[in-house]
């Protein structure tokens, strides 16, 4: 139980941090394209819910990874990214049901019900790669405690 709590914290913190950095970089990209006024603060943002959503990877990721670890990397990353899409859709719908609003309401033409953006697939595959490496590191760290 202690290991799961520590892993939950580590995955939650990783996801939370990655999301804040990603949103800051998206803002920078929009500034460069002239869609936003230039601002060197490079503010990123997230939602408190995201810590718990990313933290759930501590429970969901290891068994899925064990099932797919023998596959080529590109296939693994695609499977994990599709799992992230599923989790994003489910949690977005649940938050909408519970709170009356999904914190991330996607409006691009590539969105599905406002809960996921299909054009984010490459970013989720990159994050899947980070999750794989983080999982190995986190497991070693926690086992060493």
N, C-alpha and C. Protein backbone atom coordinates (compact mmCIF):
# COMPACT_ATOMS: atom_id res chain seq x y z
N UNK A 1 0.83 -1.19 0.00
CA UNK A 1 0.00 0.00 0.00
C UNK A 1 0.87 1.26 0.00
N UNK A 2 1.92 1.26 0.81
CA UNK A 2 2.83 2.41 0.89
C UNK A 2 3.45 2.69 -0.47
N UNK A 3 3.86 1.64 -1.18
CA UNK A 3 4.47 1.78 -2.49
C UNK A 3 3.49 2.44 -3.46
N UNK A 4 2.25 2.03 -3.44
CA UNK A 4 1.24 2.58 -4.33
C UNK A 4 1.01 4.06 -4.05
N UNK A 5 0.97 4.43 -2.78
CA UNK A 5 0.77 5.84 -2.41
C UNK A 5 1.94 6.69 -2.91
N UNK A 6 3.15 6.19 -2.75
CA UNK A 6 4.33 6.94 -3.22
C UNK A 6 4.31 7.05 -4.74
N UNK A 7 4.00 5.94 -5.42
CA UNK A 7 3.92 5.97 -6.88
C UNK A 7 2.81 6.90 -7.35
N UNK A 8 1.68 6.89 -6.64
CA UNK A 8 0.58 7.79 -6.98
C UNK A 8 1.06 9.25 -6.93
N UNK A 9 1.77 9.59 -5.87
CA UNK A 9 2.31 10.94 -5.72
C UNK A 9 3.28 11.26 -6.86
N UNK A 10 4.19 10.33 -7.17
CA UNK A 10 5.19 10.57 -8.20
C UNK A 10 4.54 10.75 -9.58
N UNK A 11 3.61 9.86 -9.94
CA UNK A 11 2.93 9.98 -11.24
C UNK A 11 2.06 11.24 -11.29
N UNK A 12 1.39 11.55 -10.19
CA UNK A 12 0.57 12.75 -10.14
C UNK A 12 1.39 14.00 -10.33
N UNK A 13 2.53 14.05 -9.65
CA UNK A 13 3.42 15.20 -9.76
C UNK A 13 4.02 15.31 -11.16
N UNK A 14 4.42 14.17 -11.73
CA UNK A 14 4.97 14.17 -13.09
C UNK A 14 3.93 14.71 -14.09
N UNK A 15 2.73 14.19 -14.04
CA UNK A 15 1.69 14.61 -14.97
C UNK A 15 1.31 16.06 -14.80
N UNK A 16 1.16 16.46 -13.55
CA UNK A 16 0.82 17.85 -13.22
C UNK A 16 1.89 18.80 -13.79
N UNK A 17 3.14 18.48 -13.54
CA UNK A 17 4.26 19.31 -14.01
C UNK A 17 4.32 19.33 -15.53
N UNK A 18 4.18 18.17 -16.15
CA UNK A 18 4.23 18.08 -17.61
C UNK A 18 3.11 18.91 -18.24
N UNK A 19 1.94 18.88 -17.64
CA UNK A 19 0.81 19.65 -18.19
C UNK A 19 1.06 21.15 -18.09
N UNK A 20 1.62 21.59 -16.99
CA UNK A 20 1.91 23.02 -16.83
C UNK A 20 2.96 23.46 -17.85
N UNK A 21 4.00 22.65 -18.04
CA UNK A 21 5.03 22.97 -19.04
C UNK A 21 4.43 22.96 -20.44
N UNK A 22 3.62 21.95 -20.75
CA UNK A 22 3.01 21.85 -22.08
C UNK A 22 2.13 23.06 -22.38
N UNK A 23 1.30 23.46 -21.44
CA UNK A 23 0.41 24.60 -21.70
C UNK A 23 1.21 25.90 -21.83
N UNK A 24 2.32 26.02 -21.12
CA UNK A 24 3.17 27.20 -21.27
C UNK A 24 3.81 27.21 -22.66
N UNK A 25 4.25 26.06 -23.14
CA UNK A 25 4.85 25.97 -24.47
C UNK A 25 3.83 26.23 -25.57
N UNK A 26 2.60 25.76 -25.37
CA UNK A 26 1.54 26.05 -26.35
C UNK A 26 1.29 27.56 -26.40
N UNK A 27 1.27 28.20 -25.25
CA UNK A 27 1.11 29.66 -25.21
C UNK A 27 2.25 30.35 -25.94
N UNK A 28 3.48 29.90 -25.73
CA UNK A 28 4.64 30.47 -26.42
C UNK A 28 4.48 30.31 -27.93
N UNK A 29 4.07 29.13 -28.37
CA UNK A 29 3.84 28.88 -29.80
C UNK A 29 2.79 29.86 -30.36
N UNK A 30 1.72 30.06 -29.61
CA UNK A 30 0.68 31.00 -30.05
C UNK A 30 1.18 32.44 -30.06
N UNK A 31 2.07 32.78 -29.14
CA UNK A 31 2.65 34.12 -29.14
C UNK A 31 3.52 34.31 -30.38
N UNK A 32 4.33 33.31 -30.69
CA UNK A 32 5.21 33.39 -31.86
C UNK A 32 4.39 33.51 -33.15
N UNK A 33 3.28 32.80 -33.21
CA UNK A 33 2.40 32.88 -34.39
C UNK A 33 1.59 34.17 -34.43
N UNK A 34 1.66 34.95 -33.38
CA UNK A 34 0.92 36.21 -33.34
C UNK A 34 -0.52 36.08 -32.90
N UNK A 35 -0.89 34.91 -32.37
CA UNK A 35 -2.27 34.70 -31.91
C UNK A 35 -2.49 35.24 -30.50
N UNK A 36 -1.41 35.43 -29.75
CA UNK A 36 -1.47 35.99 -28.39
C UNK A 36 -0.43 37.08 -28.28
N UNK A 37 -0.68 38.07 -27.43
CA UNK A 37 0.37 39.08 -27.20
C UNK A 37 1.57 38.44 -26.52
N UNK A 38 2.76 38.89 -26.89
CA UNK A 38 3.98 38.29 -26.33
C UNK A 38 4.11 38.62 -24.85
N UNK A 39 4.39 37.60 -24.06
CA UNK A 39 4.49 37.74 -22.61
C UNK A 39 5.52 36.74 -22.11
N UNK A 40 6.60 37.22 -21.57
CA UNK A 40 7.69 36.35 -21.13
C UNK A 40 7.40 35.59 -19.85
N UNK A 41 6.23 35.77 -19.25
CA UNK A 41 5.89 35.00 -18.04
C UNK A 41 5.76 33.52 -18.37
N UNK A 42 5.35 33.21 -19.61
CA UNK A 42 5.17 31.83 -20.05
C UNK A 42 4.34 31.03 -19.05
N UNK A 43 3.20 31.56 -18.71
CA UNK A 43 2.34 30.89 -17.74
C UNK A 43 1.77 29.60 -18.30
N UNK A 44 1.87 28.56 -17.51
CA UNK A 44 1.22 27.30 -17.80
C UNK A 44 0.12 27.10 -16.77
N UNK A 45 -0.76 26.17 -17.03
CA UNK A 45 -1.84 25.94 -16.06
C UNK A 45 -2.25 24.47 -16.07
N UNK A 46 -2.97 24.12 -15.04
CA UNK A 46 -3.55 22.79 -14.92
C UNK A 46 -4.77 22.92 -14.01
N UNK A 47 -5.30 21.80 -13.60
CA UNK A 47 -6.46 21.75 -12.72
C UNK A 47 -6.13 20.76 -11.61
N UNK A 48 -6.58 21.04 -10.41
CA UNK A 48 -6.26 20.16 -9.27
C UNK A 48 -6.70 18.72 -9.55
N UNK A 49 -7.76 18.57 -10.32
CA UNK A 49 -8.24 17.22 -10.68
C UNK A 49 -7.15 16.42 -11.39
N UNK A 50 -6.31 17.12 -12.12
CA UNK A 50 -5.31 16.43 -12.93
C UNK A 50 -4.29 15.67 -12.08
N UNK A 51 -3.99 16.16 -10.90
CA UNK A 51 -3.06 15.43 -10.04
C UNK A 51 -3.59 14.02 -9.77
N UNK A 52 -4.86 13.91 -9.49
CA UNK A 52 -5.46 12.61 -9.18
C UNK A 52 -5.60 11.74 -10.43
N UNK A 53 -5.90 12.39 -11.55
CA UNK A 53 -6.02 11.64 -12.81
C UNK A 53 -4.65 11.08 -13.21
N UNK A 54 -3.62 11.92 -13.19
CA UNK A 54 -2.27 11.44 -13.51
C UNK A 54 -1.78 10.46 -12.45
N UNK A 55 -2.12 10.69 -11.20
CA UNK A 55 -1.71 9.78 -10.14
C UNK A 55 -2.26 8.38 -10.32
N UNK A 56 -3.43 8.27 -10.95
CA UNK A 56 -4.02 6.95 -11.17
C UNK A 56 -3.15 6.07 -12.07
N UNK A 57 -2.20 6.67 -12.77
CA UNK A 57 -1.27 5.88 -13.57
C UNK A 57 -0.47 4.92 -12.70
N UNK A 58 -0.31 5.24 -11.42
CA UNK A 58 0.40 4.35 -10.50
C UNK A 58 -0.30 3.00 -10.38
N UNK A 59 -1.60 3.00 -10.57
CA UNK A 59 -2.39 1.78 -10.46
C UNK A 59 -2.60 1.16 -11.84
N UNK A 60 -2.86 1.99 -12.84
CA UNK A 60 -3.22 1.49 -14.17
C UNK A 60 -2.03 1.17 -15.06
N UNK A 61 -0.96 1.95 -14.96
CA UNK A 61 0.15 1.79 -15.90
C UNK A 61 0.93 0.48 -15.75
N UNK A 62 1.37 0.11 -14.55
CA UNK A 62 2.20 -1.10 -14.42
C UNK A 62 1.58 -2.38 -15.00
N UNK A 63 0.31 -2.70 -14.72
CA UNK A 63 -0.21 -3.94 -15.30
C UNK A 63 -0.36 -3.87 -16.83
N UNK A 64 -0.70 -2.70 -17.34
CA UNK A 64 -0.80 -2.55 -18.80
C UNK A 64 0.58 -2.69 -19.42
N UNK A 65 1.56 -2.06 -18.81
CA UNK A 65 2.93 -2.13 -19.34
C UNK A 65 3.43 -3.57 -19.37
N UNK A 66 3.13 -4.34 -18.34
CA UNK A 66 3.56 -5.75 -18.31
C UNK A 66 2.97 -6.53 -19.49
N UNK A 67 1.75 -6.19 -19.88
CA UNK A 67 1.10 -6.87 -21.01
C UNK A 67 1.73 -6.51 -22.36
N UNK A 68 2.25 -5.29 -22.48
CA UNK A 68 2.70 -4.81 -23.79
C UNK A 68 4.21 -4.61 -23.89
N UNK A 69 4.96 -4.87 -22.83
CA UNK A 69 6.39 -4.54 -22.83
C UNK A 69 7.18 -5.27 -23.91
N UNK A 70 6.68 -6.39 -24.41
CA UNK A 70 7.43 -7.15 -25.42
C UNK A 70 7.17 -6.61 -26.84
N UNK A 71 6.21 -5.71 -26.99
CA UNK A 71 5.90 -5.13 -28.31
C UNK A 71 6.95 -4.10 -28.70
N UNK A 72 7.08 -3.83 -29.99
CA UNK A 72 7.98 -2.75 -30.42
C UNK A 72 7.56 -1.41 -29.80
N UNK A 73 8.52 -0.53 -29.60
CA UNK A 73 8.27 0.72 -28.91
C UNK A 73 7.13 1.53 -29.52
N UNK A 74 7.11 1.66 -30.83
CA UNK A 74 6.07 2.47 -31.47
C UNK A 74 4.67 1.93 -31.18
N UNK A 75 4.53 0.62 -31.17
CA UNK A 75 3.24 -0.01 -30.86
C UNK A 75 2.88 0.25 -29.40
N UNK A 76 3.86 0.09 -28.50
CA UNK A 76 3.62 0.36 -27.07
C UNK A 76 3.15 1.79 -26.86
N UNK A 77 3.85 2.73 -27.49
CA UNK A 77 3.51 4.14 -27.30
C UNK A 77 2.11 4.44 -27.84
N UNK A 78 1.77 3.82 -28.96
CA UNK A 78 0.43 4.02 -29.51
C UNK A 78 -0.64 3.44 -28.58
N UNK A 79 -0.41 2.26 -28.05
CA UNK A 79 -1.36 1.64 -27.13
C UNK A 79 -1.53 2.50 -25.88
N UNK A 80 -0.43 2.96 -25.32
CA UNK A 80 -0.50 3.79 -24.12
C UNK A 80 -1.22 5.10 -24.43
N UNK A 81 -0.92 5.72 -25.57
CA UNK A 81 -1.59 6.97 -25.95
C UNK A 81 -3.09 6.75 -26.12
N UNK A 82 -3.49 5.62 -26.69
CA UNK A 82 -4.92 5.32 -26.81
C UNK A 82 -5.55 5.13 -25.44
N UNK A 83 -4.80 4.53 -24.52
CA UNK A 83 -5.28 4.40 -23.15
C UNK A 83 -5.43 5.76 -22.49
N UNK A 84 -4.51 6.66 -22.78
CA UNK A 84 -4.61 8.02 -22.24
C UNK A 84 -5.85 8.70 -22.80
N UNK A 85 -6.09 8.54 -24.11
CA UNK A 85 -7.31 9.09 -24.70
C UNK A 85 -8.55 8.56 -23.98
N UNK A 86 -8.57 7.26 -23.72
CA UNK A 86 -9.73 6.65 -23.04
C UNK A 86 -9.89 7.24 -21.65
N UNK A 87 -8.79 7.36 -20.93
CA UNK A 87 -8.83 7.92 -19.57
C UNK A 87 -9.27 9.38 -19.60
N UNK A 88 -8.75 10.12 -20.57
CA UNK A 88 -9.11 11.55 -20.70
C UNK A 88 -10.60 11.69 -21.01
N UNK A 89 -11.11 10.83 -21.88
CA UNK A 89 -12.52 10.90 -22.24
C UNK A 89 -13.40 10.55 -21.03
N UNK A 90 -13.06 9.45 -20.36
CA UNK A 90 -13.86 8.98 -19.22
C UNK A 90 -13.84 10.00 -18.09
N UNK A 91 -12.64 10.48 -17.73
CA UNK A 91 -12.57 11.43 -16.62
C UNK A 91 -13.19 12.77 -17.00
N UNK A 92 -13.04 13.18 -18.25
CA UNK A 92 -13.69 14.42 -18.70
C UNK A 92 -15.20 14.32 -18.60
N UNK A 93 -15.75 13.18 -19.04
CA UNK A 93 -17.19 12.97 -18.97
C UNK A 93 -17.66 12.91 -17.51
N UNK A 94 -16.89 12.22 -16.66
CA UNK A 94 -17.25 12.13 -15.24
C UNK A 94 -17.22 13.50 -14.56
N UNK A 95 -16.17 14.27 -14.83
CA UNK A 95 -16.10 15.61 -14.24
C UNK A 95 -17.24 16.48 -14.73
N UNK A 96 -17.59 16.34 -15.99
CA UNK A 96 -18.73 17.10 -16.53
C UNK A 96 -20.02 16.68 -15.82
N UNK A 97 -20.18 15.40 -15.61
CA UNK A 97 -21.36 14.88 -14.93
C UNK A 97 -21.42 15.35 -13.47
N UNK A 98 -20.29 15.31 -12.78
CA UNK A 98 -20.23 15.63 -11.35
C UNK A 98 -20.27 17.14 -11.10
N UNK A 99 -19.49 17.89 -11.87
CA UNK A 99 -19.35 19.32 -11.60
C UNK A 99 -20.16 20.21 -12.55
N UNK A 100 -20.66 19.61 -13.61
CA UNK A 100 -21.41 20.39 -14.60
C UNK A 100 -20.52 20.98 -15.69
N UNK A 101 -19.20 20.71 -15.60
CA UNK A 101 -18.28 21.27 -16.58
C UNK A 101 -17.00 20.43 -16.62
N UNK A 102 -16.51 20.20 -17.81
CA UNK A 102 -15.21 19.54 -17.96
C UNK A 102 -14.15 20.64 -17.96
N UNK A 103 -13.12 20.53 -17.12
CA UNK A 103 -12.12 21.60 -17.05
C UNK A 103 -11.41 21.89 -18.37
N UNK A 104 -11.24 20.87 -19.19
CA UNK A 104 -10.56 21.07 -20.48
C UNK A 104 -11.59 20.88 -21.59
N UNK A 105 -12.20 21.89 -22.04
CA UNK A 105 -13.20 21.78 -23.10
C UNK A 105 -12.54 22.07 -24.43
N UNK A 106 -12.16 21.01 -25.14
CA UNK A 106 -11.50 21.17 -26.43
C UNK A 106 -12.52 21.62 -27.48
N UNK A 107 -12.10 22.53 -28.33
CA UNK A 107 -13.00 23.05 -29.36
C UNK A 107 -12.45 22.89 -30.77
N UNK A 108 -11.25 22.33 -30.91
CA UNK A 108 -10.69 22.17 -32.25
C UNK A 108 -11.56 21.21 -33.05
N UNK A 109 -11.38 21.22 -34.35
CA UNK A 109 -12.18 20.32 -35.19
C UNK A 109 -11.83 18.85 -34.96
N UNK A 110 -10.74 18.59 -34.28
CA UNK A 110 -10.30 17.22 -34.01
C UNK A 110 -10.78 16.71 -32.65
N UNK A 111 -11.69 17.43 -32.00
CA UNK A 111 -12.13 17.01 -30.67
C UNK A 111 -13.26 15.98 -30.77
N UNK A 112 -13.37 15.20 -29.72
CA UNK A 112 -14.50 14.27 -29.59
C UNK A 112 -15.21 14.65 -28.30
N UNK A 113 -16.42 15.17 -28.45
CA UNK A 113 -17.27 15.61 -27.35
C UNK A 113 -16.60 16.66 -26.46
N UNK A 114 -15.55 17.28 -26.93
CA UNK A 114 -14.83 18.27 -26.15
C UNK A 114 -13.90 17.66 -25.11
N UNK A 115 -13.85 16.33 -25.03
CA UNK A 115 -13.07 15.66 -23.98
C UNK A 115 -11.68 15.23 -24.44
N UNK A 116 -11.52 14.93 -25.72
CA UNK A 116 -10.20 14.56 -26.23
C UNK A 116 -9.95 15.26 -27.56
N UNK A 117 -8.68 15.43 -27.88
CA UNK A 117 -8.27 16.01 -29.17
C UNK A 117 -7.41 14.98 -29.88
N UNK A 118 -7.90 14.49 -31.01
CA UNK A 118 -7.16 13.47 -31.75
C UNK A 118 -5.82 13.99 -32.28
N UNK A 119 -5.74 15.30 -32.55
CA UNK A 119 -4.48 15.85 -33.04
C UNK A 119 -3.41 15.91 -31.94
N UNK A 120 -3.76 15.59 -30.72
CA UNK A 120 -2.78 15.51 -29.63
C UNK A 120 -2.10 14.14 -29.56
N UNK A 121 -2.43 13.24 -30.47
CA UNK A 121 -1.85 11.90 -30.43
C UNK A 121 -0.32 11.92 -30.34
N UNK A 122 0.39 12.71 -31.16
CA UNK A 122 1.87 12.70 -31.03
C UNK A 122 2.34 13.15 -29.65
N UNK A 123 1.65 14.12 -29.06
CA UNK A 123 2.04 14.58 -27.72
C UNK A 123 1.79 13.50 -26.68
N UNK A 124 0.67 12.79 -26.81
CA UNK A 124 0.39 11.72 -25.87
C UNK A 124 1.36 10.56 -26.06
N UNK A 125 1.81 10.33 -27.29
CA UNK A 125 2.82 9.28 -27.51
C UNK A 125 4.15 9.68 -26.88
N UNK A 126 4.50 10.95 -26.98
CA UNK A 126 5.72 11.43 -26.30
C UNK A 126 5.56 11.28 -24.79
N UNK A 127 4.39 11.63 -24.28
CA UNK A 127 4.16 11.47 -22.84
C UNK A 127 4.20 9.99 -22.45
N UNK A 128 3.72 9.11 -23.33
CA UNK A 128 3.78 7.66 -23.07
C UNK A 128 5.23 7.21 -22.93
N UNK A 129 6.10 7.75 -23.77
CA UNK A 129 7.53 7.44 -23.67
C UNK A 129 8.07 7.89 -22.32
N UNK A 130 7.69 9.10 -21.91
CA UNK A 130 8.12 9.62 -20.61
C UNK A 130 7.58 8.73 -19.49
N UNK A 131 6.31 8.30 -19.62
CA UNK A 131 5.72 7.41 -18.60
C UNK A 131 6.48 6.10 -18.49
N UNK A 132 6.86 5.53 -19.63
CA UNK A 132 7.63 4.28 -19.60
C UNK A 132 8.92 4.45 -18.81
N UNK A 133 9.67 5.49 -19.16
CA UNK A 133 10.96 5.72 -18.49
C UNK A 133 10.74 6.08 -17.02
N UNK A 134 9.74 6.90 -16.73
CA UNK A 134 9.45 7.28 -15.35
C UNK A 134 9.04 6.07 -14.54
N UNK A 135 8.23 5.19 -15.12
CA UNK A 135 7.78 4.00 -14.41
C UNK A 135 8.98 3.16 -13.96
N UNK A 136 9.92 2.96 -14.87
CA UNK A 136 11.12 2.18 -14.51
C UNK A 136 11.91 2.87 -13.40
N UNK A 137 12.08 4.17 -13.52
CA UNK A 137 12.81 4.93 -12.50
C UNK A 137 12.06 4.92 -11.17
N UNK A 138 10.77 5.19 -11.20
CA UNK A 138 9.97 5.23 -9.97
C UNK A 138 9.99 3.88 -9.27
N UNK A 139 9.86 2.80 -10.03
CA UNK A 139 9.87 1.46 -9.43
C UNK A 139 11.20 1.21 -8.70
N UNK A 140 12.31 1.57 -9.35
CA UNK A 140 13.63 1.39 -8.71
C UNK A 140 13.74 2.26 -7.46
N UNK A 141 13.27 3.50 -7.56
CA UNK A 141 13.35 4.41 -6.41
C UNK A 141 12.55 3.88 -5.23
N UNK A 142 11.33 3.47 -5.49
CA UNK A 142 10.44 3.04 -4.41
C UNK A 142 10.91 1.70 -3.83
N UNK A 143 11.41 0.81 -4.70
CA UNK A 143 11.91 -0.46 -4.20
C UNK A 143 13.14 -0.27 -3.32
N UNK A 144 13.89 0.83 -3.56
CA UNK A 144 15.08 1.12 -2.77
C UNK A 144 14.78 1.76 -1.42
N UNK A 145 13.51 2.13 -1.19
CA UNK A 145 13.17 2.78 0.09
C UNK A 145 13.03 1.76 1.21
